[in-house]
Amino acid sequence: MILYGDSSALLKLYIGEKGSTETAREVAAAEKVATSAVTLVELHAALCGALKAGRIAAADVPQILVRLQRDWNGMLIVPITAALLQEATALT
């Protein structure tokens, strides 16, 4: 099974919060994890927000970023194209 994870779901892999255990279990069970190309930017922004809010410690950020990059390299990245945006808009 290919599991699609948006940034709010994937963030749970790096910051302990409600749903983190379930998300980790689903990711581990998936054959592949897919996400949008923009998710990497969204995850970095969310991590910065979590740091500012005190949800993660500054000392933990380097390790989180290493894990994120390792995971990112193994994901199926869906590119954002004008055609995709147009199709998604039409579907909504």
Protein backbone atom coordinates (compact mmCIF):
# COMPACT_ATOMS: atom_id res chain seq x y z
CA MET A 1 0.00 0.00 0.00
CA ILE A 2 1.17 3.55 -0.74
CA LEU A 3 0.33 5.87 2.12
CA TYR A 4 -0.07 9.57 1.35
CA GLY A 5 0.95 11.85 4.20
CA ASP A 6 0.42 15.58 4.29
CA SER A 7 2.60 17.81 6.43
CA SER A 8 0.28 17.75 9.45
CA ALA A 9 0.33 13.95 9.48
CA LEU A 10 4.06 13.57 8.82
CA LEU A 11 4.93 16.15 11.50
CA LYS A 12 3.69 13.60 14.03
CA LEU A 13 6.74 11.48 13.17
CA TYR A 14 9.08 14.18 14.47
CA ILE A 15 7.11 15.82 17.28
CA GLY A 16 5.35 13.76 19.90
CA GLU A 17 1.68 14.72 19.82
CA LYS A 18 -1.73 13.10 19.67
CA GLY A 19 -1.71 10.57 16.86
CA SER A 20 2.08 10.14 16.70
CA THR A 21 1.99 6.47 17.63
CA GLU A 22 -0.73 5.67 15.11
CA THR A 23 1.02 7.63 12.36
CA ALA A 24 4.32 5.86 12.99
CA ARG A 25 2.53 2.50 12.88
CA GLU A 26 0.83 3.31 9.54
CA VAL A 27 4.06 4.61 8.01
CA ALA A 28 5.92 1.48 9.11
CA ALA A 29 3.22 -0.74 7.57
CA ALA A 30 3.16 1.11 4.24
CA GLU A 31 5.13 -0.12 1.26
CA LYS A 32 5.89 3.48 0.37
CA VAL A 33 5.00 6.91 1.72
CA ALA A 34 4.02 9.58 -0.77
CA THR A 35 3.72 13.30 -0.21
CA SER A 36 3.65 16.59 -2.05
CA ALA A 37 6.86 18.34 -3.01
CA VAL A 38 5.82 21.34 -0.91
CA THR A 39 5.59 19.19 2.23
CA LEU A 40 9.30 19.58 2.98
CA VAL A 41 8.93 23.36 3.22
CA GLU A 42 5.78 22.98 5.32
CA LEU A 43 7.53 20.58 7.70
CA HIS A 44 10.48 22.92 8.16
CA ALA A 45 8.07 25.79 8.87
CA ALA A 46 6.12 23.65 11.35
CA LEU A 47 9.33 22.63 13.12
CA CYS A 48 10.34 26.29 13.42
CA GLY A 49 6.92 27.04 14.88
CA ALA A 50 7.22 24.16 17.32
CA LEU A 51 10.64 25.38 18.40
CA LYS A 52 9.37 28.93 18.98
CA ALA A 53 6.38 27.58 20.91
CA GLY A 54 8.63 25.42 23.10
CA ARG A 55 7.15 22.14 21.84
CA ILE A 56 10.64 20.93 20.90
CA ALA A 57 14.04 21.81 22.32
CA ALA A 58 16.70 23.53 20.23
CA ALA A 59 19.08 20.70 21.07
CA ASP A 60 16.73 18.21 19.38
CA VAL A 61 16.43 20.10 16.08
CA PRO A 62 19.62 18.78 14.38
CA GLN A 63 18.61 15.17 15.04
CA ILE A 64 15.04 15.82 13.87
CA LEU A 65 16.33 17.38 10.64
CA VAL A 66 18.61 14.41 9.98
CA ARG A 67 15.68 12.02 10.46
CA LEU A 68 13.44 14.16 8.29
CA GLN A 69 15.97 14.24 5.45
CA ARG A 70 16.53 10.47 5.69
CA ASP A 71 12.80 9.84 5.57
CA TRP A 72 12.31 12.38 2.77
CA ASN A 73 14.89 10.61 0.62
CA GLY A 74 12.82 7.43 0.86
CA MET A 75 9.45 9.00 0.04
CA LEU A 76 7.63 9.16 -3.25
CA ILE A 77 7.48 12.90 -3.93
CA VAL A 78 4.52 14.14 -5.95
CA PRO A 79 5.60 17.21 -7.94
CA ILE A 80 3.41 20.28 -7.94
CA THR A 81 2.64 21.25 -11.51
CA ALA A 82 0.22 23.75 -13.00
CA ALA A 83 -1.77 20.84 -14.45
CA LEU A 84 -2.01 19.17 -11.04
CA LEU A 85 -3.17 22.39 -9.41
CA GLN A 86 -5.77 22.89 -12.13
CA GLU A 87 -7.04 19.33 -11.76
CA ALA A 88 -7.18 19.59 -7.97
CA THR A 89 -9.07 22.87 -8.24
CA ALA A 90 -11.56 21.31 -10.66
CA LEU A 91 -12.13 18.39 -8.30
CA THR A 92 -13.02 20.74 -5.47
